[in-house]
Amino acid sequence: MAARPNTPPRPIIVKKVIEGGHGGHHGGAWKVAYADFVTAMMAFFLLMWLLGATTEKQRKALADYFAPTIVQTKQESAGSNGMFGGDSIVSADNYPHRAGQTGTRSITIPRDVVGGPKEASGREQETKKFQQVAKSLAERVQRKGDLRRLARNLRFTQTVDGMRIDVVDDADFSMFTMGTSQLTPEGVRLFQEVAEAIGGVPNQLMIRGHTDAAPWSAGAGTNNWRLSVDRAEVVRNYLQFRGIDSNRFSRIEGVADREPYVPSNRFDPRNRRISITLGWGSAAKY
C-alpha cells in the first residue's frame, strides 16, 4: 500500500450566529399606537365626565371656548354677526373707510334693568309709576271680599321690558275653563281689576299666554301653542272692551309650556298664566 503524501491539515472554521430579539423584528411603532389609544380613551372619559358634571350653561361656555372660528368670523365682519352679535368699539372692522367712520362715541354702561345713568334718569319716574300701579291693583283686589283670596295669584316683576304683571293659576283657581280660552267668572272679575289699574297709564302693553305641559289627544284639533295664543288674544280683547286703547297693544304672543313658572314640574297649575307687561314709555312712542 502506497503511503499518502504529506498534506497540511485543513483549517477549522467556526461560524458564530447571533439571533436578534423580537424587538428588532417588530420595531417600536406599537408603542406609539398604544400611547395614542390611551390618550384617546382618557379624552373620551374626560368628555363623559364633563357631560355629567356640568350644567347646560357651563357646557355652552366650554363649547364657545373651543370654537376659534367665532373669532375669525368677527374679525372678517364689521363688528357684528347677526342679532346681538356686536363687538366692542376697539375691535377691528372691515369698512372700506373705517378710519373716517370710526370716531369717539359716548358709551352708556347698563347697571340694572333701567339701564345706565342716562336711561335711569328718565325711568326713575316710570319705575315709581309702575310701583303705584302694582300697589293700586293689589289694594283693589284686597278691598273686594270675594276676590281677596286671589291677591296671591298676582305677581309683579320689573324686567328689562318694563313691569310684568303675572296672573297665575293654582290648584284652587283657574282664569280659563280647562282646555279652552273661555274666561271663568272669577277670571273676568280679576282682569276687570287689572284693566282698571292699568287704564290710567299710557304705557304700551305686551300680552303673553302660557300653558302647562298637559298633552292633548290626537283628535282634539288643537295644541298648547294655539291655546296659549288664543288665551292671550282673549285677554287683549277683554282689556280693550274694558276701555284700554287698542294702540297700546304692541305684542300678543303665546309660548305654550316653553317658559314654565315652575321648571321642576311642567304640569304644575302655576305654569298656566297670563303675563301683561307695561313697557317703558307711552304707546305713542311705538
Foldseek 3Di string as FASTA:
>chain_A
DDDDDDDDDDDDDDDDDDDDDPCVVPPCPVVVVVVVVVVVVVVVVVVVVCVVPDDPVVVVVVVVVPCCVLVVVCLAAQQADDPPRGHDLPHHGDDPPVVVVRDDDDDFQQDDLQGGPVSCVVCVVVVVVLVVLLVQLLVVQCVDVVRNVQSVQWDWDQHNFGIKIKRFAAPVDDQADPPALHGDPSVLVSLLSNLVSCVVDQFAKAKEWEFFPDADDPPPPDGQQVRRQSNQVVSLVSSVVSPRDPLRYDYGGYDYQPDAPDVVHSNGRRRGIMMMGGGPDGSVVD
